[in-house]
Amino acid sequence: MNRLRRSSEDHAIAPEAALKAAEKVWQEARRKGVAAAIAGGLAMQIYGFTRATRDVDMVASETLDLEAGKKIDFGGEIYRLEVEGKEIEVDWIVRADDKKPALKTRR
């Protein structure tokens, strides 16, 4: 195994921890009536592909009332959650550019 690959795997989060982080923000989204879906590396893992990931990517119809670590350039926010003693970043993607929204709010 090459050194670069081993390094990225060392920083990867466990799938179970990633799912717990996704569940936490999804529960908040559900309370607010915000449509959301898992994307990125975690989605690939759910569908059976081996894929190391360092964060949780989710697409959504709007942002949440959570403290954001920073804004995402193309729309959305990054939330940091503690799960199993580790800080996990959740990229909460809400497109704010000229692209068609991926999800619509269910109200």
PDB file of N, CA and C in Angstrom:
ATOM      1  N   MET A   1       0.857  -1.176   0.000  1.00  0.00           N
ATOM      2  CA  MET A   1       0.000   0.000   0.000  1.00  0.00           C
ATOM      3  C   MET A   1       0.895   1.228   0.000  1.00  0.00           C
ATOM      4  N   ASN A   2       0.555   2.202  -0.842  1.00  0.00           N
ATOM      5  CA  ASN A   2       1.430   3.364  -0.875  1.00  0.00           C
ATOM      6  C   ASN A   2       1.189   4.269   0.327  1.00  0.00           C
ATOM      7  N   ARG A   3       2.141   5.098   0.607  1.00  0.00           N
ATOM      8  CA  ARG A   3       2.119   5.940   1.796  1.00  0.00           C
ATOM      9  C   ARG A   3       0.973   6.948   1.792  1.00  0.00           C
ATOM     10  N   LEU A   4       0.667   7.537   0.646  1.00  0.00           N
ATOM     11  CA  LEU A   4      -0.402   8.518   0.552  1.00  0.00           C
ATOM     12  C   LEU A   4      -1.748   7.883   0.907  1.00  0.00           C
ATOM     13  N   ARG A   5      -2.024   6.709   0.400  1.00  0.00           N
ATOM     14  CA  ARG A   5      -3.280   6.029   0.694  1.00  0.00           C
ATOM     15  C   ARG A   5      -3.387   5.693   2.183  1.00  0.00           C
ATOM     16  N   ARG A   6      -2.341   5.184   2.763  1.00  0.00           N
ATOM     17  CA  ARG A   6      -2.351   4.839   4.178  1.00  0.00           C
ATOM     18  C   ARG A   6      -2.625   6.086   5.014  1.00  0.00           C
ATOM     19  N   SER A   7      -2.026   7.223   4.651  1.00  0.00           N
ATOM     20  CA  SER A   7      -2.222   8.467   5.383  1.00  0.00           C
ATOM     21  C   SER A   7      -3.683   8.900   5.342  1.00  0.00           C
ATOM     22  N   SER A   8      -4.337   8.821   4.194  1.00  0.00           N
ATOM     23  CA  SER A   8      -5.734   9.243   4.106  1.00  0.00           C
ATOM     24  C   SER A   8      -6.636   8.295   4.885  1.00  0.00           C
ATOM     25  N   GLU A   9      -6.297   7.017   4.923  1.00  0.00           N
ATOM     26  CA  GLU A   9      -7.105   6.065   5.675  1.00  0.00           C
ATOM     27  C   GLU A   9      -6.948   6.275   7.179  1.00  0.00           C
ATOM     28  N   ASP A  10      -5.764   6.727   7.618  1.00  0.00           N
ATOM     29  CA  ASP A  10      -5.531   6.996   9.034  1.00  0.00           C
ATOM     30  C   ASP A  10      -6.450   8.094   9.559  1.00  0.00           C
ATOM     31  N   HIS A  11      -6.810   9.029   8.708  1.00  0.00           N
ATOM     32  CA  HIS A  11      -7.655  10.147   9.106  1.00  0.00           C
ATOM     33  C   HIS A  11      -9.129   9.889   8.823  1.00  0.00           C
ATOM     34  N   ALA A  12      -9.447   8.758   8.251  1.00  0.00           N
ATOM     35  CA  ALA A  12     -10.840   8.442   7.912  1.00  0.00           C
ATOM     36  C   ALA A  12     -11.640   8.189   9.180  1.00  0.00           C
ATOM     37  N   ILE A  13     -12.925   8.479   9.089  1.00  0.00           N
ATOM     38  CA  ILE A  13     -13.808   8.203  10.219  1.00  0.00           C
ATOM     39  C   ILE A  13     -14.495   6.862   9.999  1.00  0.00           C
ATOM     40  N   ALA A  14     -14.781   6.182  11.075  1.00  0.00           N
ATOM     41  CA  ALA A  14     -15.445   4.883  10.997  1.00  0.00           C
ATOM     42  C   ALA A  14     -16.857   5.071  10.443  1.00  0.00           C
ATOM     43  N   PRO A  15     -17.306   4.152   9.599  1.00  0.00           N
ATOM     44  CA  PRO A  15     -18.661   4.271   9.026  1.00  0.00           C
ATOM     45  C   PRO A  15     -19.754   4.405  10.089  1.00  0.00           C
ATOM     46  N   GLU A  16     -19.616   3.695  11.197  1.00  0.00           N
ATOM     47  CA  GLU A  16     -20.636   3.764  12.251  1.00  0.00           C
ATOM     48  C   GLU A  16     -20.694   5.170  12.857  1.00  0.00           C
ATOM     49  N   ALA A  17     -19.541   5.781  13.076  1.00  0.00           N
ATOM     50  CA  ALA A  17     -19.491   7.145  13.623  1.00  0.00           C
ATOM     51  C   ALA A  17     -20.058   8.138  12.609  1.00  0.00           C
ATOM     52  N   ALA A  18     -19.740   7.950  11.341  1.00  0.00           N
ATOM     53  CA  ALA A  18     -20.265   8.830  10.294  1.00  0.00           C
ATOM     54  C   ALA A  18     -21.784   8.750  10.235  1.00  0.00           C
ATOM     55  N   LEU A  19     -22.321   7.535  10.340  1.00  0.00           N
ATOM     56  CA  LEU A  19     -23.776   7.366  10.331  1.00  0.00           C
ATOM     57  C   LEU A  19     -24.426   8.021  11.544  1.00  0.00           C
ATOM     58  N   LYS A  20     -23.791   7.935  12.696  1.00  0.00           N
ATOM     59  CA  LYS A  20     -24.334   8.578  13.900  1.00  0.00           C
ATOM     60  C   LYS A  20     -24.355  10.100  13.734  1.00  0.00           C
ATOM     61  N   ALA A  21     -23.310  10.658  13.146  1.00  0.00           N
ATOM     62  CA  ALA A  21     -23.272  12.102  12.903  1.00  0.00           C
ATOM     63  C   ALA A  21     -24.381  12.496  11.928  1.00  0.00           C
ATOM     64  N   ALA A  22     -24.544  11.717  10.859  1.00  0.00           N
ATOM     65  CA  ALA A  22     -25.612  11.989   9.889  1.00  0.00           C
ATOM     66  C   ALA A  22     -26.976  11.916  10.559  1.00  0.00           C
ATOM     67  N   GLU A  23     -27.161  10.935  11.424  1.00  0.00           N
ATOM     68  CA  GLU A  23     -28.431  10.769  12.133  1.00  0.00           C
ATOM     69  C   GLU A  23     -28.727  11.985  13.017  1.00  0.00           C
ATOM     70  N   LYS A  24     -27.707  12.506  13.694  1.00  0.00           N
ATOM     71  CA  LYS A  24     -27.901  13.672  14.561  1.00  0.00           C
ATOM     72  C   LYS A  24     -28.413  14.880  13.774  1.00  0.00           C
ATOM     73  N   VAL A  25     -27.763  15.192  12.666  1.00  0.00           N
ATOM     74  CA  VAL A  25     -28.199  16.366  11.901  1.00  0.00           C
ATOM     75  C   VAL A  25     -29.508  16.092  11.165  1.00  0.00           C
ATOM     76  N   TRP A  26     -29.724  14.853  10.743  1.00  0.00           N
ATOM     77  CA  TRP A  26     -30.979  14.507  10.073  1.00  0.00           C
ATOM     78  C   TRP A  26     -32.157  14.682  11.028  1.00  0.00           C
ATOM     79  N   GLN A  27     -31.983  14.310  12.298  1.00  0.00           N
ATOM     80  CA  GLN A  27     -33.049  14.502  13.289  1.00  0.00           C
ATOM     81  C   GLN A  27     -33.382  15.987  13.428  1.00  0.00           C
ATOM     82  N   GLU A  28     -32.371  16.827  13.467  1.00  0.00           N
ATOM     83  CA  GLU A  28     -32.592  18.271  13.545  1.00  0.00           C
ATOM     84  C   GLU A  28     -33.313  18.771  12.285  1.00  0.00           C
ATOM     85  N   ALA A  29     -32.902  18.279  11.130  1.00  0.00           N
ATOM     86  CA  ALA A  29     -33.553  18.662   9.873  1.00  0.00           C
ATOM     87  C   ALA A  29     -35.026  18.244   9.880  1.00  0.00           C
ATOM     88  N   ARG A  30     -35.276  17.059  10.351  1.00  0.00           N
ATOM     89  CA  ARG A  30     -36.656  16.549  10.400  1.00  0.00           C
ATOM     90  C   ARG A  30     -37.528  17.429  11.303  1.00  0.00           C
ATOM     91  N   ARG A  31     -36.987  17.831  12.453  1.00  0.00           N
ATOM     92  CA  ARG A  31     -37.738  18.718  13.360  1.00  0.00           C
ATOM     93  C   ARG A  31     -38.097  20.041  12.686  1.00  0.00           C
ATOM     94  N   LYS A  32     -37.192  20.519  11.842  1.00  0.00           N
ATOM     95  CA  LYS A  32     -37.391  21.806  11.173  1.00  0.00           C
ATOM     96  C   LYS A  32     -38.156  21.662   9.852  1.00  0.00           C
ATOM     97  N   GLY A  33     -38.381  20.434   9.375  1.00  0.00           N
ATOM     98  CA  GLY A  33     -39.067  20.227   8.103  1.00  0.00           C
ATOM     99  C   GLY A  33     -38.179  20.448   6.893  1.00  0.00           C
ATOM    100  N   VAL A  34     -36.881  20.229   7.072  1.00  0.00           N
ATOM    101  CA  VAL A  34     -35.901  20.425   6.009  1.00  0.00           C
ATOM    102  C   VAL A  34     -35.616  19.084   5.332  1.00  0.00           C
ATOM    103  N   ALA A  35     -35.707  19.049   4.022  1.00  0.00           N
ATOM    104  CA  ALA A  35     -35.379  17.839   3.262  1.00  0.00           C
ATOM    105  C   ALA A  35     -33.857  17.690   3.221  1.00  0.00           C
ATOM    106  N   ALA A  36     -33.376  16.464   3.428  1.00  0.00           N
ATOM    107  CA  ALA A  36     -31.930  16.225   3.426  1.00  0.00           C
ATOM    108  C   ALA A  36     -31.640  14.801   2.977  1.00  0.00           C
ATOM    109  N   ALA A  37     -30.447  14.613   2.415  1.00  0.00           N
ATOM    110  CA  ALA A  37     -30.022  13.290   1.965  1.00  0.00           C
ATOM    111  C   ALA A  37     -28.513  13.157   2.132  1.00  0.00           C
ATOM    112  N   ILE A  38     -28.078  11.945   2.411  1.00  0.00           N
ATOM    113  CA  ILE A  38     -26.650  11.652   2.529  1.00  0.00           C
ATOM    114  C   ILE A  38     -26.034  11.623   1.130  1.00  0.00           C
ATOM    115  N   ALA A  39     -24.827  12.151   1.017  1.00  0.00           N
ATOM    116  CA  ALA A  39     -24.111  12.189  -0.259  1.00  0.00           C
ATOM    117  C   ALA A  39     -22.654  11.809  -0.015  1.00  0.00           C
ATOM    118  N   GLY A  40     -21.842  11.873  -1.038  1.00  0.00           N
ATOM    119  CA  GLY A  40     -20.402  11.694  -0.908  1.00  0.00           C
ATOM    120  C   GLY A  40     -19.951  10.306  -0.498  1.00  0.00           C
ATOM    121  N   GLY A  41     -18.827  10.266   0.219  1.00  0.00           N
ATOM    122  CA  GLY A  41     -18.198   9.002   0.599  1.00  0.00           C
ATOM    123  C   GLY A  41     -19.075   8.119   1.456  1.00  0.00           C
ATOM    124  N   LEU A  42     -19.834   8.699   2.386  1.00  0.00           N
ATOM    125  CA  LEU A  42     -20.712   7.897   3.231  1.00  0.00           C
ATOM    126  C   LEU A  42     -21.811   7.244   2.397  1.00  0.00           C
ATOM    127  N   ALA A  43     -22.363   7.969   1.442  1.00  0.00           N
ATOM    128  CA  ALA A  43     -23.378   7.383   0.556  1.00  0.00           C
ATOM    129  C   ALA A  43     -22.777   6.209  -0.217  1.00  0.00           C
ATOM    130  N   MET A  44     -21.552   6.354  -0.665  1.00  0.00           N
ATOM    131  CA  MET A  44     -20.884   5.265  -1.387  1.00  0.00           C
ATOM    132  C   MET A  44     -20.745   4.040  -0.479  1.00  0.00           C
ATOM    133  N   GLN A  45     -20.391   4.266   0.791  1.00  0.00           N
ATOM    134  CA  GLN A  45     -20.269   3.149   1.734  1.00  0.00           C
ATOM    135  C   GLN A  45     -21.605   2.459   1.937  1.00  0.00           C
ATOM    136  N   ILE A  46     -22.669   3.226   2.078  1.00  0.00           N
ATOM    137  CA  ILE A  46     -24.000   2.652   2.279  1.00  0.00           C
ATOM    138  C   ILE A  46     -24.379   1.755   1.106  1.00  0.00           C
ATOM    139  N   TYR A  47     -23.997   2.157  -0.093  1.00  0.00           N
ATOM    140  CA  TYR A  47     -24.315   1.364  -1.280  1.00  0.00           C
ATOM    141  C   TYR A  47     -23.297   0.268  -1.564  1.00  0.00           C
ATOM    142  N   GLY A  48     -22.403   0.008  -0.606  1.00  0.00           N
ATOM    143  CA  GLY A  48     -21.541  -1.157  -0.695  1.00  0.00           C
ATOM    144  C   GLY A  48     -20.168  -0.960  -1.299  1.00  0.00           C
ATOM    145  N   PHE A  49     -19.779   0.271  -1.570  1.00  0.00           N
ATOM    146  CA  PHE A  49     -18.449   0.522  -2.113  1.00  0.00           C
ATOM    147  C   PHE A  49     -17.487   0.836  -0.983  1.00  0.00           C
ATOM    148  N   THR A  50     -16.284   0.330  -1.055  1.00  0.00           N
ATOM    149  CA  THR A  50     -15.273   0.646  -0.055  1.00  0.00           C
ATOM    150  C   THR A  50     -14.747   2.034  -0.348  1.00  0.00           C
ATOM    151  N   ARG A  51     -14.933   2.915   0.589  1.00  0.00           N
ATOM    152  CA  ARG A  51     -14.523   4.295   0.383  1.00  0.00           C
ATOM    153  C   ARG A  51     -14.225   4.930   1.731  1.00  0.00           C
ATOM    154  N   ALA A  52     -13.000   5.354   1.939  1.00  0.00           N
ATOM    155  CA  ALA A  52     -12.646   6.067   3.169  1.00  0.00           C
ATOM    156  C   ALA A  52     -13.161   7.501   3.050  1.00  0.00           C
ATOM    157  N   THR A  53     -13.665   8.029   4.141  1.00  0.00           N
ATOM    158  CA  THR A  53     -14.137   9.413   4.131  1.00  0.00           C
ATOM    159  C   THR A  53     -13.709  10.109   5.413  1.00  0.00           C
ATOM    160  N   ARG A  54     -13.458  11.381   5.317  1.00  0.00           N
ATOM    161  CA  ARG A  54     -13.029  12.168   6.474  1.00  0.00           C
ATOM    162  C   ARG A  54     -14.153  13.010   7.058  1.00  0.00           C
ATOM    163  N   ASP A  55     -15.272  13.103   6.337  1.00  0.00           N
ATOM    164  CA  ASP A  55     -16.393  13.897   6.810  1.00  0.00           C
ATOM    165  C   ASP A  55     -17.694  13.283   6.309  1.00  0.00           C
ATOM    166  N   VAL A  56     -18.788  13.901   6.671  1.00  0.00           N
ATOM    167  CA  VAL A  56     -20.107  13.464   6.219  1.00  0.00           C
ATOM    168  C   VAL A  56     -20.640  14.555   5.304  1.00  0.00           C
ATOM    169  N   ASP A  57     -21.028  14.185   4.094  1.00  0.00           N
ATOM    170  CA  ASP A  57     -21.610  15.142   3.150  1.00  0.00           C
ATOM    171  C   ASP A  57     -23.106  14.900   3.074  1.00  0.00           C
ATOM    172  N   MET A  58     -23.874  15.975   3.209  1.00  0.00           N
ATOM    173  CA  MET A  58     -25.321  15.885   3.071  1.00  0.00           C
ATOM    174  C   MET A  58     -25.799  17.051   2.224  1.00  0.00           C
ATOM    175  N   VAL A  59     -26.773  16.808   1.359  1.00  0.00           N
ATOM    176  CA  VAL A  59     -27.412  17.882   0.595  1.00  0.00           C
ATOM    177  C   VAL A  59     -28.748  18.167   1.252  1.00  0.00           C
ATOM    178  N   ALA A  60     -29.145  19.432   1.245  1.00  0.00           N
ATOM    179  CA  ALA A  60     -30.362  19.811   1.949  1.00  0.00           C
ATOM    180  C   ALA A  60     -31.034  20.998   1.273  1.00  0.00           C
ATOM    181  N   SER A  61     -32.286  21.204   1.671  1.00  0.00           N
ATOM    182  CA  SER A  61     -33.061  22.293   1.092  1.00  0.00           C
ATOM    183  C   SER A  61     -32.786  23.635   1.765  1.00  0.00           C
ATOM    184  N   GLU A  62     -32.296  23.623   3.000  1.00  0.00           N
ATOM    185  CA  GLU A  62     -31.934  24.854   3.699  1.00  0.00           C
ATOM    186  C   GLU A  62     -31.024  24.524   4.876  1.00  0.00           C
ATOM    187  N   THR A  63     -30.394  25.552   5.421  1.00  0.00           N
ATOM    188  CA  THR A  63     -29.492  25.339   6.548  1.00  0.00           C
ATOM    189  C   THR A  63     -30.276  25.082   7.831  1.00  0.00           C
ATOM    190  N   LEU A  64     -29.557  24.655   8.858  1.00  0.00           N
ATOM    191  CA  LEU A  64     -30.162  24.333  10.151  1.00  0.00           C
ATOM    192  C   LEU A  64     -29.786  25.381  11.191  1.00  0.00           C
ATOM    193  N   ASP A  65     -30.462  25.326  12.319  1.00  0.00           N
ATOM    194  CA  ASP A  65     -30.159  26.231  13.431  1.00  0.00           C
ATOM    195  C   ASP A  65     -29.089  25.616  14.322  1.00  0.00           C
ATOM    196  N   LEU A  66     -27.987  25.223  13.717  1.00  0.00           N
ATOM    197  CA  LEU A  66     -26.839  24.679  14.434  1.00  0.00           C
ATOM    198  C   LEU A  66     -25.683  25.651  14.261  1.00  0.00           C
ATOM    199  N   GLU A  67     -24.761  25.631  15.204  1.00  0.00           N
ATOM    200  CA  GLU A  67     -23.594  26.494  15.088  1.00  0.00           C
ATOM    201  C   GLU A  67     -22.720  25.988  13.944  1.00  0.00           C
ATOM    202  N   ALA A  68     -22.458  26.861  13.007  1.00  0.00           N
ATOM    203  CA  ALA A  68     -21.649  26.488  11.844  1.00  0.00           C
ATOM    204  C   ALA A  68     -20.190  26.835  12.082  1.00  0.00           C
ATOM    205  N   GLY A  69     -19.308  25.896  11.738  1.00  0.00           N
ATOM    206  CA  GLY A  69     -17.877  26.152  11.828  1.00  0.00           C
ATOM    207  C   GLY A  69     -17.442  27.142  10.769  1.00  0.00           C
ATOM    208  N   LYS A  70     -17.979  26.977   9.569  1.00  0.00           N
ATOM    209  CA  LYS A  70     -17.726  27.913   8.478  1.00  0.00           C
ATOM    210  C   LYS A  70     -18.740  27.684   7.377  1.00  0.00           C
ATOM    211  N   LYS A  71     -18.756  28.583   6.431  1.00  0.00           N
ATOM    212  CA  LYS A  71     -19.664  28.504   5.288  1.00  0.00           C
ATOM    213  C   LYS A  71     -18.998  27.736   4.153  1.00  0.00           C
ATOM    214  N   ILE A  72     -19.801  27.076   3.350  1.00  0.00           N
ATOM    215  CA  ILE A  72     -19.302  26.410   2.147  1.00  0.00           C
ATOM    216  C   ILE A  72     -19.449  27.395   0.995  1.00  0.00           C
ATOM    217  N   ASP A  73     -18.403  27.577   0.198  1.00  0.00           N
ATOM    218  CA  ASP A  73     -18.380  28.582  -0.873  1.00  0.00           C
ATOM    219  C   ASP A  73     -19.590  28.499  -1.809  1.00  0.00           C
ATOM    220  N   PHE A  74     -19.962  27.299  -2.226  1.00  0.00           N
ATOM    221  CA  PHE A  74     -21.046  27.167  -3.202  1.00  0.00           C
ATOM    222  C   PHE A  74     -22.411  26.991  -2.545  1.00  0.00           C
ATOM    223  N   GLY A  75     -22.451  27.101  -1.218  1.00  0.00           N
ATOM    224  CA  GLY A  75     -23.715  27.078  -0.491  1.00  0.00           C
ATOM    225  C   GLY A  75     -23.754  26.042   0.602  1.00  0.00           C
ATOM    226  N   GLY A  76     -24.141  26.480   1.776  1.00  0.00           N
ATOM    227  CA  GLY A  76     -24.259  25.571   2.903  1.00  0.00           C
ATOM    228  C   GLY A  76     -23.311  25.932   4.025  1.00  0.00           C
ATOM    229  N   GLU A  77     -23.247  25.038   4.996  1.00  0.00           N
ATOM    230  CA  GLU A  77     -22.434  25.267   6.182  1.00  0.00           C
ATOM    231  C   GLU A  77     -21.759  23.972   6.612  1.00  0.00           C
ATOM    232  N   ILE A  78     -20.723  24.110   7.423  1.00  0.00           N
ATOM    233  CA  ILE A  78     -20.052  22.941   7.992  1.00  0.00           C
ATOM    234  C   ILE A  78     -20.357  22.924   9.479  1.00  0.00           C
ATOM    235  N   TYR A  79     -20.960  21.830   9.921  1.00  0.00           N
ATOM    236  CA  TYR A  79     -21.269  21.639  11.335  1.00  0.00           C
ATOM    237  C   TYR A  79     -20.260  20.654  11.913  1.00  0.00           C
ATOM    238  N   ARG A  80     -19.846  20.884  13.139  1.00  0.00           N
ATOM    239  CA  ARG A  80     -18.919  19.970  13.820  1.00  0.00           C
ATOM    240  C   ARG A  80     -19.662  19.322  14.980  1.00  0.00           C
ATOM    241  N   LEU A  81     -19.678  17.995  14.980  1.00  0.00           N
ATOM    242  CA  LEU A  81     -20.381  17.249  16.011  1.00  0.00           C
ATOM    243  C   LEU A  81     -19.417  16.312  16.707  1.00  0.00           C
ATOM    244  N   GLU A  82     -19.641  16.086  17.989  1.00  0.00           N
ATOM    245  CA  GLU A  82     -18.848  15.095  18.702  1.00  0.00           C
ATOM    246  C   GLU A  82     -19.612  13.773  18.680  1.00  0.00           C
ATOM    247  N   VAL A  83     -18.957  12.758  18.177  1.00  0.00           N
ATOM    248  CA  VAL A  83     -19.526  11.408  18.105  1.00  0.00           C
ATOM    249  C   VAL A  83     -18.436  10.429  18.530  1.00  0.00           C
ATOM    250  N   GLU A  84     -18.747   9.608  19.509  1.00  0.00           N
ATOM    251  CA  GLU A  84     -17.810   8.593  19.997  1.00  0.00           C
ATOM    252  C   GLU A  84     -16.453   9.196  20.347  1.00  0.00           C
ATOM    253  N   GLY A  85     -16.482  10.382  20.965  1.00  0.00           N
ATOM    254  CA  GLY A  85     -15.252  11.028  21.403  1.00  0.00           C
ATOM    255  C   GLY A  85     -14.430  11.680  20.308  1.00  0.00           C
ATOM    256  N   LYS A  86     -14.946  11.718  19.080  1.00  0.00           N
ATOM    257  CA  LYS A  86     -14.241  12.351  17.963  1.00  0.00           C
ATOM    258  C   LYS A  86     -15.091  13.473  17.399  1.00  0.00           C
ATOM    259  N   GLU A  87     -14.424  14.502  16.917  1.00  0.00           N
ATOM    260  CA  GLU A  87     -15.137  15.575  16.229  1.00  0.00           C
ATOM    261  C   GLU A  87     -15.298  15.193  14.762  1.00  0.00           C
ATOM    262  N   ILE A  88     -16.531  15.236  14.298  1.00  0.00           N
ATOM    263  CA  ILE A  88     -16.827  14.888  12.910  1.00  0.00           C
ATOM    264  C   ILE A  88     -17.436  16.099  12.230  1.00  0.00           C
ATOM    265  N   GLU A  89     -16.917  16.417  11.054  1.00  0.00           N
ATOM    266  CA  GLU A  89     -17.467  17.519  10.271  1.00  0.00           C
ATOM    267  C   GLU A  89     -18.581  17.004   9.374  1.00  0.00           C
ATOM    268  N   VAL A  90     -19.678  17.754   9.359  1.00  0.00           N
ATOM    269  CA  VAL A  90     -20.784  17.458   8.464  1.00  0.00           C
ATOM    270  C   VAL A  90     -20.891  18.627   7.498  1.00  0.00           C
ATOM    271  N   ASP A  91     -20.636  18.360   6.211  1.00  0.00           N
ATOM    272  CA  ASP A  91     -20.793  19.375   5.174  1.00  0.00           C
ATOM    273  C   ASP A  91     -22.269  19.379   4.781  1.00  0.00           C
ATOM    274  N   TRP A  92     -22.991  20.411   5.192  1.00  0.00           N
ATOM    275  CA  TRP A  92     -24.431  20.541   4.957  1.00  0.00           C
ATOM    276  C   TRP A  92     -24.575  21.426   3.720  1.00  0.00           C
ATOM    277  N   ILE A  93     -24.762  20.804   2.571  1.00  0.00           N
ATOM    278  CA  ILE A  93     -24.697  21.487   1.281  1.00  0.00           C
ATOM    279  C   ILE A  93     -26.082  21.990   0.873  1.00  0.00           C
ATOM    280  N   VAL A  94     -26.189  23.307   0.727  1.00  0.00           N
ATOM    281  CA  VAL A  94     -27.407  23.951   0.234  1.00  0.00           C
ATOM    282  C   VAL A  94     -26.948  24.862  -0.892  1.00  0.00           C
ATOM    283  N   ARG A  95     -27.197  24.464  -2.114  1.00  0.00           N
ATOM    284  CA  ARG A  95     -26.675  25.213  -3.262  1.00  0.00           C
ATOM    285  C   ARG A  95     -27.164  26.654  -3.255  1.00  0.00           C
ATOM    286  N   ALA A  96     -26.232  27.572  -3.410  1.00  0.00           N
ATOM    287  CA  ALA A  96     -26.548  28.994  -3.434  1.00  0.00           C
ATOM    288  C   ALA A  96     -26.015  29.626  -4.715  1.00  0.00           C
ATOM    289  N   ASP A  97     -25.909  28.814  -5.757  1.00  0.00           N
ATOM    290  CA  ASP A  97     -25.404  29.339  -7.021  1.00  0.00           C
ATOM    291  C   ASP A  97     -26.520  29.262  -8.064  1.00  0.00           C
ATOM    292  N   ASP A  98     -26.168  29.294  -9.318  1.00  0.00           N
ATOM    293  CA  ASP A  98     -27.191  29.302 -10.363  1.00  0.00           C
ATOM    294  C   ASP A  98     -27.687  27.901 -10.729  1.00  0.00           C
ATOM    295  N   LYS A  99     -27.261  26.887 -10.001  1.00  0.00           N
ATOM    296  CA  LYS A  99     -27.717  25.523 -10.258  1.00  0.00           C
ATOM    297  C   LYS A  99     -29.086  25.304  -9.626  1.00  0.00           C
ATOM    298  N   LYS A 100     -29.847  24.403 -10.182  1.00  0.00           N
ATOM    299  CA  LYS A 100     -31.164  24.087  -9.655  1.00  0.00           C
ATOM    300  C   LYS A 100     -31.018  23.415  -8.287  1.00  0.00           C
ATOM    301  N   PRO A 101     -31.823  23.794  -7.298  1.00  0.00           N
ATOM    302  CA  PRO A 101     -31.730  23.156  -5.974  1.00  0.00           C
ATOM    303  C   PRO A 101     -31.894  21.648  -6.072  1.00  0.00           C
ATOM    304  N   ALA A 102     -31.088  20.913  -5.297  1.00  0.00           N
ATOM    305  CA  ALA A 102     -31.149  19.456  -5.326  1.00  0.00           C
ATOM    306  C   ALA A 102     -32.384  18.943  -4.593  1.00  0.00           C
ATOM    307  N   LEU A 103     -32.789  19.627  -3.541  1.00  0.00           N
ATOM    308  CA  LEU A 103     -33.924  19.194  -2.737  1.00  0.00           C
ATOM    309  C   LEU A 103     -34.854  20.361  -2.478  1.00  0.00           C
ATOM    310  N   LYS A 104     -36.119  20.053  -2.343  1.00  0.00           N
ATOM    311  CA  LYS A 104     -37.110  21.081  -2.009  1.00  0.00           C
ATOM    312  C   LYS A 104     -37.626  20.812  -0.601  1.00  0.00           C
ATOM    313  N   THR A 105     -37.929  21.879   0.104  1.00  0.00           N
ATOM    314  CA  THR A 105     -38.463  21.761   1.449  1.00  0.00           C
ATOM    315  C   THR A 105     -39.837  21.125   1.400  1.00  0.00           C
ATOM    316  N   ARG A 106     -40.077  20.191   2.316  1.00  0.00           N
ATOM    317  CA  ARG A 106     -41.397  19.562   2.420  1.00  0.00           C
ATOM    318  C   ARG A 106     -42.178  20.289   3.504  1.00  0.00           C
ATOM    319  N   ARG A 107     -43.170  21.037   3.135  1.00  0.00           N
ATOM    320  CA  ARG A 107     -43.997  21.758   4.124  1.00  0.00           C
ATOM    321  C   ARG A 107     -45.442  21.668   3.748  1.00  0.00           C
TER     322      ARG A 107
END
